[in-house]
């Protein structure tokens, strides 16, 4: 079993933003030499997340962010966290900090329309994404 790890930076420009990181993660897989295994994409930040969804139509990330903002508003009576980003913590917990994708024949096993997104909920910021690959 071979293990490979690589980190990279992501810079957001808006408070809420979904950045397609599929090509970056695919490149890491391609250079790893791992043919079959799995890939874990992890975000070590409490106000950001990782998700997989459609990356063919830019209206999909827009609609996801619109829905999250409606469900979890930025300003809400009753929030207690003093930094003013309670909504960001809630969105991060709801979406999740990692995804796992299978590697088959040296490539990510994503569906036709699927892409990997870094979700920023408290930007703009510079963030880190961690990728770990395991396999043969």
Protein backbone atom coordinates (compact mmCIF):
# COMPACT_ATOMS: atom_id res chain seq x y z
CA UNK A 1 0.00 0.00 0.00
CA UNK A 2 1.31 3.41 -0.99
CA UNK A 3 0.32 6.66 0.76
CA UNK A 4 0.78 10.10 -0.78
CA UNK A 5 -0.10 13.47 0.72
CA UNK A 6 -0.16 16.97 -0.70
CA UNK A 7 -1.55 20.31 0.46
CA UNK A 8 -2.47 23.34 -1.63
CA UNK A 9 -3.83 26.83 -1.05
CA UNK A 10 -7.17 28.22 -2.11
CA UNK A 11 -8.03 31.92 -2.16
CA UNK A 12 -11.64 33.08 -2.06
CA UNK A 13 -12.85 36.49 -3.15
CA UNK A 14 -16.34 36.49 -1.62
CA UNK A 15 -17.87 35.73 1.77
CA UNK A 16 -19.72 32.68 0.40
CA UNK A 17 -18.17 30.96 -2.59
CA UNK A 18 -17.77 27.50 -4.11
CA UNK A 19 -14.43 27.02 -5.87
CA UNK A 20 -13.99 24.07 -8.23
CA UNK A 21 -10.81 22.24 -7.17
CA UNK A 22 -11.36 19.13 -9.30
CA UNK A 23 -8.46 19.78 -11.69
CA UNK A 24 -6.07 20.42 -8.82
CA UNK A 25 -7.03 17.20 -7.02
CA UNK A 26 -6.96 15.22 -10.30
CA UNK A 27 -3.44 16.48 -10.97
CA UNK A 28 -2.31 15.28 -7.54
CA UNK A 29 -3.79 11.85 -8.25
CA UNK A 30 -2.15 11.72 -11.68
CA UNK A 31 1.31 12.54 -10.31
CA UNK A 32 1.02 10.14 -7.36
CA UNK A 33 1.50 6.92 -9.28
CA UNK A 34 -1.46 5.38 -7.45
CA UNK A 35 -3.58 3.40 -9.90
CA UNK A 36 -6.31 2.03 -7.65
CA UNK A 37 -7.25 3.25 -4.19
CA UNK A 38 -8.94 6.22 -2.62
CA UNK A 39 -8.49 9.96 -2.25
CA UNK A 40 -9.51 11.97 0.80
CA UNK A 41 -9.92 15.73 0.35
CA UNK A 42 -9.94 17.51 3.71
CA UNK A 43 -10.46 21.10 4.82
CA UNK A 44 -8.89 22.01 8.21
CA UNK A 45 -11.03 25.14 8.70
CA UNK A 46 -14.17 25.53 10.83
CA UNK A 47 -15.89 27.99 8.48
CA UNK A 48 -15.25 26.22 5.17
CA UNK A 49 -16.11 22.83 3.69
CA UNK A 50 -15.59 20.31 0.88
CA UNK A 51 -18.39 18.90 -1.25
CA UNK A 52 -19.03 17.06 -4.51
CA UNK A 53 -21.70 18.31 -6.88
CA UNK A 54 -22.31 19.33 -10.49
CA UNK A 55 -19.55 21.43 -11.99
CA UNK A 56 -20.88 21.65 -15.56
CA UNK A 57 -23.37 24.47 -14.93
CA UNK A 58 -22.24 27.46 -12.81
CA UNK A 59 -25.82 28.04 -11.68
CA UNK A 60 -25.65 24.90 -9.49
CA UNK A 61 -23.07 26.31 -7.02
CA UNK A 62 -24.97 29.60 -7.09
CA UNK A 63 -28.22 27.83 -6.21
CA UNK A 64 -26.56 25.81 -3.43
CA UNK A 65 -25.13 28.98 -1.86
CA UNK A 66 -28.48 30.76 -2.26
CA UNK A 67 -30.26 27.92 -0.47
CA UNK A 68 -27.69 27.74 2.34
CA UNK A 69 -27.92 31.52 2.84
CA UNK A 70 -31.69 31.30 3.07
CA UNK A 71 -31.63 28.35 5.46
CA UNK A 72 -28.79 29.78 7.56
CA UNK A 73 -28.80 33.60 7.39
CA UNK A 74 -25.66 35.62 8.14
CA UNK A 75 -27.42 37.78 10.75
CA UNK A 76 -29.92 36.07 13.01
CA UNK A 77 -31.27 37.01 16.43
CA UNK A 78 -30.01 34.56 19.01
CA UNK A 79 -26.55 33.84 17.62
CA UNK A 80 -24.08 33.92 20.53
CA UNK A 81 -20.69 33.51 18.85
CA UNK A 82 -19.05 36.91 19.17
CA UNK A 83 -17.05 36.86 15.90
CA UNK A 84 -20.10 37.45 13.71
CA UNK A 85 -19.67 34.27 11.70
CA UNK A 86 -22.02 31.83 13.41
CA UNK A 87 -23.69 31.12 10.09
CA UNK A 88 -20.33 30.11 8.61
CA UNK A 89 -19.77 27.52 11.34
CA UNK A 90 -23.27 26.10 10.82
CA UNK A 91 -22.84 25.88 7.02
CA UNK A 92 -19.45 24.19 7.44
CA UNK A 93 -20.90 21.57 9.78
CA UNK A 94 -23.85 20.95 7.48
CA UNK A 95 -21.75 20.50 4.32
CA UNK A 96 -18.81 18.73 6.01
CA UNK A 97 -15.04 19.08 6.08
CA UNK A 98 -14.08 16.21 3.76
CA UNK A 99 -14.95 13.97 0.83
CA UNK A 100 -13.62 10.60 -0.24
CA UNK A 101 -13.35 9.62 -3.91
CA UNK A 102 -12.27 6.28 -5.35
CA UNK A 103 -9.26 6.11 -7.66
CA UNK A 104 -9.54 3.68 -10.56
CA UNK A 105 -7.00 3.30 -13.35
CA UNK A 106 -5.09 6.33 -12.03
CA UNK A 107 -8.08 8.69 -12.17
CA UNK A 108 -10.75 9.98 -9.82
CA UNK A 109 -13.98 8.01 -10.13
CA UNK A 110 -16.31 11.00 -10.38
CA UNK A 111 -19.63 10.92 -12.21
CA UNK A 112 -20.00 12.65 -15.57
CA UNK A 113 -21.19 15.93 -14.08
CA UNK A 114 -19.46 15.75 -10.70
CA UNK A 115 -16.75 18.06 -9.47
CA UNK A 116 -15.02 18.68 -6.15
CA UNK A 117 -15.67 22.06 -4.54
CA UNK A 118 -14.00 24.02 -1.78
CA UNK A 119 -16.82 25.89 -0.04
CA UNK A 120 -15.93 29.21 1.56
CA UNK A 121 -18.41 30.52 4.11
CA UNK A 122 -16.37 33.27 5.82
CA UNK A 123 -14.32 34.88 3.10
CA UNK A 124 -12.50 36.31 1.48
CA UNK A 125 -9.64 34.26 2.86
CA UNK A 126 -6.61 32.18 2.00
CA UNK A 127 -7.18 28.56 2.98
CA UNK A 128 -5.51 25.18 2.89
CA UNK A 129 -6.79 21.95 1.32
CA UNK A 130 -5.21 18.64 2.31
CA UNK A 131 -5.25 15.62 -0.01
CA UNK A 132 -4.30 12.11 1.04
CA UNK A 133 -4.14 9.18 -1.37
CA UNK A 134 -3.97 5.51 -0.46
CA UNK A 135 -3.66 2.61 -2.82
CA UNK A 136 -1.46 0.70 -5.19
